[in-house]
Amino acid sequence: MELKKLQQQWNSFPETSMEERPVLSSDLEKIVVDKIAGFSNDRLEAMLNEFLTKEFRFVEVIGAALGFLIGLLQIGMTLLMK
């Protein structure tokens, strides 16, 4: 029902390009908050876990690569110091 109200408001604007249309951020924010509040905790956790798993994998790979490079640098410095 909120979406229909938003669509009616949106359609009431004269035909313009997308850049010229005003953003109805307060209505959009309320719709998003209402939708997220309606999710069960399990569903919200599953959605976040799916997204964060990809992001954490990236952090792990970058951490491993940087750790390897720093380790090589330490070995090189140790060998040069002797």
PDB file of N, CA and C in Angstrom:
ATOM      1  N   MET A   1       0.827  -1.190   0.000  1.00  0.00           N
ATOM      2  CA  MET A   1       0.000   0.000   0.000  1.00  0.00           C
ATOM      3  C   MET A   1       0.871   1.255   0.000  1.00  0.00           C
ATOM      4  N   GLU A   2       1.994   1.231   0.721  1.00  0.00           N
ATOM      5  CA  GLU A   2       2.916   2.373   0.708  1.00  0.00           C
ATOM      6  C   GLU A   2       3.538   2.535  -0.676  1.00  0.00           C
ATOM      7  N   LEU A   3       3.810   1.401  -1.302  1.00  0.00           N
ATOM      8  CA  LEU A   3       4.430   1.431  -2.626  1.00  0.00           C
ATOM      9  C   LEU A   3       3.485   2.065  -3.643  1.00  0.00           C
ATOM     10  N   LYS A   4       2.196   1.760  -3.550  1.00  0.00           N
ATOM     11  CA  LYS A   4       1.226   2.355  -4.474  1.00  0.00           C
ATOM     12  C   LYS A   4       1.158   3.866  -4.282  1.00  0.00           C
ATOM     13  N   LYS A   5       1.214   4.309  -3.031  1.00  0.00           N
ATOM     14  CA  LYS A   5       1.207   5.745  -2.742  1.00  0.00           C
ATOM     15  C   LYS A   5       2.434   6.412  -3.348  1.00  0.00           C
ATOM     16  N   LEU A   6       3.586   5.774  -3.194  1.00  0.00           N
ATOM     17  CA  LEU A   6       4.827   6.305  -3.751  1.00  0.00           C
ATOM     18  C   LEU A   6       4.760   6.341  -5.278  1.00  0.00           C
ATOM     19  N   GLN A   7       4.211   5.281  -5.887  1.00  0.00           N
ATOM     20  CA  GLN A   7       4.091   5.250  -7.342  1.00  0.00           C
ATOM     21  C   GLN A   7       3.147   6.346  -7.843  1.00  0.00           C
ATOM     22  N   GLN A   8       2.071   6.583  -7.132  1.00  0.00           N
ATOM     23  CA  GLN A   8       1.139   7.642  -7.520  1.00  0.00           C
ATOM     24  C   GLN A   8       1.817   9.009  -7.447  1.00  0.00           C
ATOM     25  N   GLN A   9       2.572   9.242  -6.376  1.00  0.00           N
ATOM     26  CA  GLN A   9       3.294  10.505  -6.254  1.00  0.00           C
ATOM     27  C   GLN A   9       4.309  10.648  -7.378  1.00  0.00           C
ATOM     28  N   TRP A  10       5.007   9.562  -7.659  1.00  0.00           N
ATOM     29  CA  TRP A  10       6.041   9.586  -8.693  1.00  0.00           C
ATOM     30  C   TRP A  10       5.430   9.873 -10.064  1.00  0.00           C
ATOM     31  N   ASN A  11       4.289   9.240 -10.345  1.00  0.00           N
ATOM     32  CA  ASN A  11       3.644   9.419 -11.645  1.00  0.00           C
ATOM     33  C   ASN A  11       2.983  10.782 -11.794  1.00  0.00           C
ATOM     34  N   SER A  12       2.776  11.481 -10.691  1.00  0.00           N
ATOM     35  CA  SER A  12       2.140  12.790 -10.770  1.00  0.00           C
ATOM     36  C   SER A  12       3.093  13.873 -11.260  1.00  0.00           C
ATOM     37  N   PHE A  13       4.392  13.594 -11.286  1.00  0.00           N
ATOM     38  CA  PHE A  13       5.349  14.570 -11.793  1.00  0.00           C
ATOM     39  C   PHE A  13       5.254  14.649 -13.315  1.00  0.00           C
ATOM     40  N   PRO A  14       5.494  15.828 -13.871  1.00  0.00           N
ATOM     41  CA  PRO A  14       5.485  15.932 -15.334  1.00  0.00           C
ATOM     42  C   PRO A  14       6.620  15.091 -15.917  1.00  0.00           C
ATOM     43  N   GLU A  15       6.459  14.719 -17.185  1.00  0.00           N
ATOM     44  CA  GLU A  15       7.483  13.907 -17.845  1.00  0.00           C
ATOM     45  C   GLU A  15       8.793  14.674 -17.911  1.00  0.00           C
ATOM     46  N   THR A  16       9.788  14.130 -17.270  1.00  0.00           N
ATOM     47  CA  THR A  16      11.125  14.721 -17.257  1.00  0.00           C
ATOM     48  C   THR A  16      12.130  13.586 -17.310  1.00  0.00           C
ATOM     49  N   SER A  17      13.365  13.944 -17.477  1.00  0.00           N
ATOM     50  CA  SER A  17      14.399  12.917 -17.443  1.00  0.00           C
ATOM     51  C   SER A  17      14.591  12.465 -16.002  1.00  0.00           C
ATOM     52  N   MET A  18      15.253  11.329 -15.825  1.00  0.00           N
ATOM     53  CA  MET A  18      15.451  10.776 -14.488  1.00  0.00           C
ATOM     54  C   MET A  18      16.265  11.718 -13.601  1.00  0.00           C
ATOM     55  N   GLU A  19      17.208  12.458 -14.177  1.00  0.00           N
ATOM     56  CA  GLU A  19      18.036  13.361 -13.381  1.00  0.00           C
ATOM     57  C   GLU A  19      17.232  14.546 -12.843  1.00  0.00           C
ATOM     58  N   GLU A  20      16.168  14.895 -13.522  1.00  0.00           N
ATOM     59  CA  GLU A  20      15.389  16.067 -13.119  1.00  0.00           C
ATOM     60  C   GLU A  20      14.316  15.748 -12.084  1.00  0.00           C
ATOM     61  N   ARG A  21      14.015  14.498 -11.883  1.00  0.00           N
ATOM     62  CA  ARG A  21      12.964  14.128 -10.930  1.00  0.00           C
ATOM     63  C   ARG A  21      13.490  14.231  -9.501  1.00  0.00           C
ATOM     64  N   PRO A  22      12.684  14.759  -8.593  1.00  0.00           N
ATOM     65  CA  PRO A  22      13.120  14.837  -7.192  1.00  0.00           C
ATOM     66  C   PRO A  22      13.134  13.454  -6.550  1.00  0.00           C
ATOM     67  N   VAL A  23      13.985  13.279  -5.591  1.00  0.00           N
ATOM     68  CA  VAL A  23      14.084  12.010  -4.871  1.00  0.00           C
ATOM     69  C   VAL A  23      13.178  12.096  -3.649  1.00  0.00           C
ATOM     70  N   LEU A  24      12.347  11.107  -3.494  1.00  0.00           N
ATOM     71  CA  LEU A  24      11.442  11.058  -2.349  1.00  0.00           C
ATOM     72  C   LEU A  24      12.104  10.211  -1.259  1.00  0.00           C
ATOM     73  N   SER A  25      13.184  10.731  -0.713  1.00  0.00           N
ATOM     74  CA  SER A  25      14.020   9.945   0.188  1.00  0.00           C
ATOM     75  C   SER A  25      13.303   9.577   1.478  1.00  0.00           C
ATOM     76  N   SER A  26      12.473  10.462   2.007  1.00  0.00           N
ATOM     77  CA  SER A  26      11.821  10.140   3.276  1.00  0.00           C
ATOM     78  C   SER A  26      10.836   8.992   3.097  1.00  0.00           C
ATOM     79  N   ASP A  27      10.087   8.987   1.977  1.00  0.00           N
ATOM     80  CA  ASP A  27       9.167   7.887   1.717  1.00  0.00           C
ATOM     81  C   ASP A  27       9.933   6.600   1.448  1.00  0.00           C
ATOM     82  N   LEU A  28      10.985   6.696   0.672  1.00  0.00           N
ATOM     83  CA  LEU A  28      11.788   5.530   0.338  1.00  0.00           C
ATOM     84  C   LEU A  28      12.441   4.948   1.590  1.00  0.00           C
ATOM     85  N   GLU A  29      12.956   5.819   2.438  1.00  0.00           N
ATOM     86  CA  GLU A  29      13.574   5.362   3.684  1.00  0.00           C
ATOM     87  C   GLU A  29      12.558   4.628   4.547  1.00  0.00           C
ATOM     88  N   LYS A  30      11.373   5.159   4.656  1.00  0.00           N
ATOM     89  CA  LYS A  30      10.331   4.519   5.471  1.00  0.00           C
ATOM     90  C   LYS A  30       9.963   3.152   4.905  1.00  0.00           C
ATOM     91  N   ILE A  31       9.860   3.044   3.589  1.00  0.00           N
ATOM     92  CA  ILE A  31       9.525   1.762   2.964  1.00  0.00           C
ATOM     93  C   ILE A  31      10.612   0.733   3.245  1.00  0.00           C
ATOM     94  N   VAL A  32      11.875   1.146   3.092  1.00  0.00           N
ATOM     95  CA  VAL A  32      12.987   0.222   3.325  1.00  0.00           C
ATOM     96  C   VAL A  32      13.027  -0.220   4.788  1.00  0.00           C
ATOM     97  N   VAL A  33      12.868   0.719   5.703  1.00  0.00           N
ATOM     98  CA  VAL A  33      12.880   0.384   7.130  1.00  0.00           C
ATOM     99  C   VAL A  33      11.738  -0.568   7.463  1.00  0.00           C
ATOM    100  N   ASP A  34      10.560  -0.314   6.920  1.00  0.00           N
ATOM    101  CA  ASP A  34       9.414  -1.189   7.179  1.00  0.00           C
ATOM    102  C   ASP A  34       9.655  -2.597   6.641  1.00  0.00           C
ATOM    103  N   LYS A  35      10.224  -2.693   5.444  1.00  0.00           N
ATOM    104  CA  LYS A  35      10.503  -4.008   4.853  1.00  0.00           C
ATOM    105  C   LYS A  35      11.517  -4.783   5.692  1.00  0.00           C
ATOM    106  N   ILE A  36      12.582  -4.125   6.097  1.00  0.00           N
ATOM    107  CA  ILE A  36      13.615  -4.803   6.885  1.00  0.00           C
ATOM    108  C   ILE A  36      13.082  -5.197   8.257  1.00  0.00           C
ATOM    109  N   ALA A  37      12.264  -4.337   8.849  1.00  0.00           N
ATOM    110  CA  ALA A  37      11.678  -4.647  10.158  1.00  0.00           C
ATOM    111  C   ALA A  37      10.763  -5.860  10.066  1.00  0.00           C
ATOM    112  N   GLY A  38      10.196  -6.105   8.883  1.00  0.00           N
ATOM    113  CA  GLY A  38       9.309  -7.245   8.695  1.00  0.00           C
ATOM    114  C   GLY A  38      10.029  -8.571   8.511  1.00  0.00           C
ATOM    115  N   PHE A  39      11.327  -8.547   8.277  1.00  0.00           N
ATOM    116  CA  PHE A  39      12.095  -9.779   8.106  1.00  0.00           C
ATOM    117  C   PHE A  39      12.230 -10.495   9.443  1.00  0.00           C
ATOM    118  N   SER A  40      12.239 -11.806   9.387  1.00  0.00           N
ATOM    119  CA  SER A  40      12.535 -12.566  10.606  1.00  0.00           C
ATOM    120  C   SER A  40      14.025 -12.460  10.877  1.00  0.00           C
ATOM    121  N   ASN A  41      14.406 -12.696  12.117  1.00  0.00           N
ATOM    122  CA  ASN A  41      15.826 -12.620  12.480  1.00  0.00           C
ATOM    123  C   ASN A  41      16.652 -13.622  11.686  1.00  0.00           C
ATOM    124  N   ASP A  42      16.107 -14.813  11.469  1.00  0.00           N
ATOM    125  CA  ASP A  42      16.830 -15.841  10.724  1.00  0.00           C
ATOM    126  C   ASP A  42      17.058 -15.427   9.275  1.00  0.00           C
ATOM    127  N   ARG A  43      16.036 -14.844   8.662  1.00  0.00           N
ATOM    128  CA  ARG A  43      16.166 -14.417   7.264  1.00  0.00           C
ATOM    129  C   ARG A  43      17.172 -13.270   7.152  1.00  0.00           C
ATOM    130  N   LEU A  44      17.094 -12.311   8.050  1.00  0.00           N
ATOM    131  CA  LEU A  44      18.021 -11.185   8.029  1.00  0.00           C
ATOM    132  C   LEU A  44      19.455 -11.667   8.253  1.00  0.00           C
ATOM    133  N   GLU A  45      19.633 -12.598   9.182  1.00  0.00           N
ATOM    134  CA  GLU A  45      20.964 -13.150   9.443  1.00  0.00           C
ATOM    135  C   GLU A  45      21.497 -13.886   8.213  1.00  0.00           C
ATOM    136  N   ALA A  46      20.641 -14.639   7.546  1.00  0.00           N
ATOM    137  CA  ALA A  46      21.063 -15.371   6.352  1.00  0.00           C
ATOM    138  C   ALA A  46      21.471 -14.414   5.239  1.00  0.00           C
ATOM    139  N   MET A  47      20.715 -13.337   5.060  1.00  0.00           N
ATOM    140  CA  MET A  47      21.044 -12.344   4.029  1.00  0.00           C
ATOM    141  C   MET A  47      22.379 -11.675   4.329  1.00  0.00           C
ATOM    142  N   LEU A  48      22.567 -11.262   5.565  1.00  0.00           N
ATOM    143  CA  LEU A  48      23.819 -10.609   5.944  1.00  0.00           C
ATOM    144  C   LEU A  48      24.998 -11.570   5.844  1.00  0.00           C
ATOM    145  N   ASN A  49      24.784 -12.804   6.259  1.00  0.00           N
ATOM    146  CA  ASN A  49      25.844 -13.803   6.206  1.00  0.00           C
ATOM    147  C   ASN A  49      26.275 -14.065   4.762  1.00  0.00           C
ATOM    148  N   GLU A  50      25.306 -14.136   3.855  1.00  0.00           N
ATOM    149  CA  GLU A  50      25.618 -14.354   2.435  1.00  0.00           C
ATOM    150  C   GLU A  50      26.478 -13.216   1.885  1.00  0.00           C
ATOM    151  N   PHE A  51      26.123 -11.992   2.210  1.00  0.00           N
ATOM    152  CA  PHE A  51      26.877 -10.832   1.732  1.00  0.00           C
ATOM    153  C   PHE A  51      28.243 -10.747   2.403  1.00  0.00           C
ATOM    154  N   LEU A  52      28.264 -10.902   3.717  1.00  0.00           N
ATOM    155  CA  LEU A  52      29.515 -10.727   4.457  1.00  0.00           C
ATOM    156  C   LEU A  52      30.514 -11.845   4.201  1.00  0.00           C
ATOM    157  N   THR A  53      30.032 -13.043   3.859  1.00  0.00           N
ATOM    158  CA  THR A  53      30.943 -14.142   3.551  1.00  0.00           C
ATOM    159  C   THR A  53      31.844 -13.773   2.382  1.00  0.00           C
ATOM    160  N   LYS A  54      31.263 -13.154   1.359  1.00  0.00           N
ATOM    161  CA  LYS A  54      32.046 -12.726   0.197  1.00  0.00           C
ATOM    162  C   LYS A  54      33.059 -11.652   0.590  1.00  0.00           C
ATOM    163  N   GLU A  55      32.620 -10.709   1.398  1.00  0.00           N
ATOM    164  CA  GLU A  55      33.506  -9.616   1.805  1.00  0.00           C
ATOM    165  C   GLU A  55      34.639 -10.129   2.701  1.00  0.00           C
ATOM    166  N   PHE A  56      34.327 -11.017   3.642  1.00  0.00           N
ATOM    167  CA  PHE A  56      35.354 -11.554   4.528  1.00  0.00           C
ATOM    168  C   PHE A  56      36.347 -12.411   3.756  1.00  0.00           C
ATOM    169  N   ARG A  57      35.887 -13.107   2.727  1.00  0.00           N
ATOM    170  CA  ARG A  57      36.795 -13.908   1.904  1.00  0.00           C
ATOM    171  C   ARG A  57      37.829 -12.996   1.245  1.00  0.00           C
ATOM    172  N   PHE A  58      37.387 -11.850   0.749  1.00  0.00           N
ATOM    173  CA  PHE A  58      38.295 -10.879   0.141  1.00  0.00           C
ATOM    174  C   PHE A  58      39.330 -10.411   1.167  1.00  0.00           C
ATOM    175  N   VAL A  59      38.896 -10.108   2.375  1.00  0.00           N
ATOM    176  CA  VAL A  59      39.806  -9.649   3.434  1.00  0.00           C
ATOM    177  C   VAL A  59      40.809 -10.754   3.764  1.00  0.00           C
ATOM    178  N   GLU A  60      40.359 -11.999   3.805  1.00  0.00           N
ATOM    179  CA  GLU A  60      41.264 -13.115   4.086  1.00  0.00           C
ATOM    180  C   GLU A  60      42.338 -13.241   3.015  1.00  0.00           C
ATOM    181  N   VAL A  61      41.947 -13.147   1.757  1.00  0.00           N
ATOM    182  CA  VAL A  61      42.898 -13.291   0.647  1.00  0.00           C
ATOM    183  C   VAL A  61      43.913 -12.154   0.667  1.00  0.00           C
ATOM    184  N   ILE A  62      43.455 -10.933   0.849  1.00  0.00           N
ATOM    185  CA  ILE A  62      44.365  -9.785   0.905  1.00  0.00           C
ATOM    186  C   ILE A  62      45.301  -9.919   2.107  1.00  0.00           C
ATOM    187  N   GLY A  63      44.775 -10.346   3.250  1.00  0.00           N
ATOM    188  CA  GLY A  63      45.602 -10.536   4.439  1.00  0.00           C
ATOM    189  C   GLY A  63      46.666 -11.593   4.231  1.00  0.00           C
ATOM    190  N   ALA A  64      46.287 -12.685   3.562  1.00  0.00           N
ATOM    191  CA  ALA A  64      47.262 -13.741   3.288  1.00  0.00           C
ATOM    192  C   ALA A  64      48.366 -13.246   2.357  1.00  0.00           C
ATOM    193  N   ALA A  65      47.975 -12.518   1.315  1.00  0.00           N
ATOM    194  CA  ALA A  65      48.965 -12.004   0.361  1.00  0.00           C
ATOM    195  C   ALA A  65      49.914 -11.014   1.039  1.00  0.00           C
ATOM    196  N   LEU A  66      49.360 -10.102   1.817  1.00  0.00           N
ATOM    197  CA  LEU A  66      50.204  -9.124   2.512  1.00  0.00           C
ATOM    198  C   LEU A  66      51.096  -9.802   3.547  1.00  0.00           C
ATOM    199  N   GLY A  67      50.563 -10.776   4.260  1.00  0.00           N
ATOM    200  CA  GLY A  67      51.362 -11.513   5.237  1.00  0.00           C
ATOM    201  C   GLY A  67      52.516 -12.245   4.580  1.00  0.00           C
ATOM    202  N   PHE A  68      52.250 -12.836   3.422  1.00  0.00           N
ATOM    203  CA  PHE A  68      53.302 -13.537   2.684  1.00  0.00           C
ATOM    204  C   PHE A  68      54.393 -12.571   2.249  1.00  0.00           C
ATOM    205  N   LEU A  69      53.995 -11.427   1.703  1.00  0.00           N
ATOM    206  CA  LEU A  69      54.977 -10.440   1.242  1.00  0.00           C
ATOM    207  C   LEU A  69      55.793  -9.870   2.408  1.00  0.00           C
ATOM    208  N   ILE A  70      55.148  -9.586   3.499  1.00  0.00           N
ATOM    209  CA  ILE A  70      55.867  -9.059   4.662  1.00  0.00           C
ATOM    210  C   ILE A  70      56.817 -10.115   5.221  1.00  0.00           C
ATOM    211  N   GLY A  71      56.384 -11.372   5.223  1.00  0.00           N
ATOM    212  CA  GLY A  71      57.253 -12.459   5.671  1.00  0.00           C
ATOM    213  C   GLY A  71      58.494 -12.588   4.801  1.00  0.00           C
ATOM    214  N   LEU A  72      58.299 -12.489   3.473  1.00  0.00           N
ATOM    215  CA  LEU A  72      59.449 -12.526   2.563  1.00  0.00           C
ATOM    216  C   LEU A  72      60.397 -11.360   2.822  1.00  0.00           C
ATOM    217  N   LEU A  73      59.828 -10.184   3.060  1.00  0.00           N
ATOM    218  CA  LEU A  73      60.636  -9.003   3.345  1.00  0.00           C
ATOM    219  C   LEU A  73      61.449  -9.201   4.635  1.00  0.00           C
ATOM    220  N   GLN A  74      60.823  -9.770   5.654  1.00  0.00           N
ATOM    221  CA  GLN A  74      61.531 -10.027   6.915  1.00  0.00           C
ATOM    222  C   GLN A  74      62.664 -11.036   6.721  1.00  0.00           C
ATOM    223  N   ILE A  75      62.407 -12.078   5.952  1.00  0.00           N
ATOM    224  CA  ILE A  75      63.452 -13.072   5.689  1.00  0.00           C
ATOM    225  C   ILE A  75      64.603 -12.421   4.932  1.00  0.00           C
ATOM    226  N   GLY A  76      64.262 -11.617   3.929  1.00  0.00           N
ATOM    227  CA  GLY A  76      65.302 -10.927   3.162  1.00  0.00           C
ATOM    228  C   GLY A  76      66.129  -9.999   4.031  1.00  0.00           C
ATOM    229  N   MET A  77      65.471  -9.251   4.900  1.00  0.00           N
ATOM    230  CA  MET A  77      66.200  -8.329   5.783  1.00  0.00           C
ATOM    231  C   MET A  77      67.082  -9.105   6.771  1.00  0.00           C
ATOM    232  N   THR A  78      66.571 -10.227   7.270  1.00  0.00           N
ATOM    233  CA  THR A  78      67.349 -11.049   8.211  1.00  0.00           C
ATOM    234  C   THR A  78      68.611 -11.592   7.527  1.00  0.00           C
ATOM    235  N   LEU A  79      68.455 -12.066   6.308  1.00  0.00           N
ATOM    236  CA  LEU A  79      69.605 -12.612   5.572  1.00  0.00           C
ATOM    237  C   LEU A  79      70.626 -11.526   5.241  1.00  0.00           C
ATOM    238  N   LEU A  80      70.154 -10.314   4.959  1.00  0.00           N
ATOM    239  CA  LEU A  80      71.068  -9.212   4.646  1.00  0.00           C
ATOM    240  C   LEU A  80      71.802  -8.720   5.887  1.00  0.00           C
ATOM    241  N   MET A  81      71.198  -8.841   7.055  1.00  0.00           N
ATOM    242  CA  MET A  81      71.801  -8.365   8.291  1.00  0.00           C
ATOM    243  C   MET A  81      72.936  -9.277   8.765  1.00  0.00           C
ATOM    244  N   LYS A  82      72.961 -10.515   8.326  1.00  0.00           N
ATOM    245  CA  LYS A  82      73.986 -11.479   8.799  1.00  0.00           C
ATOM    246  C   LYS A  82      75.275 -11.330   8.075  1.00  0.00           C
TER     247      LYS A  82
END
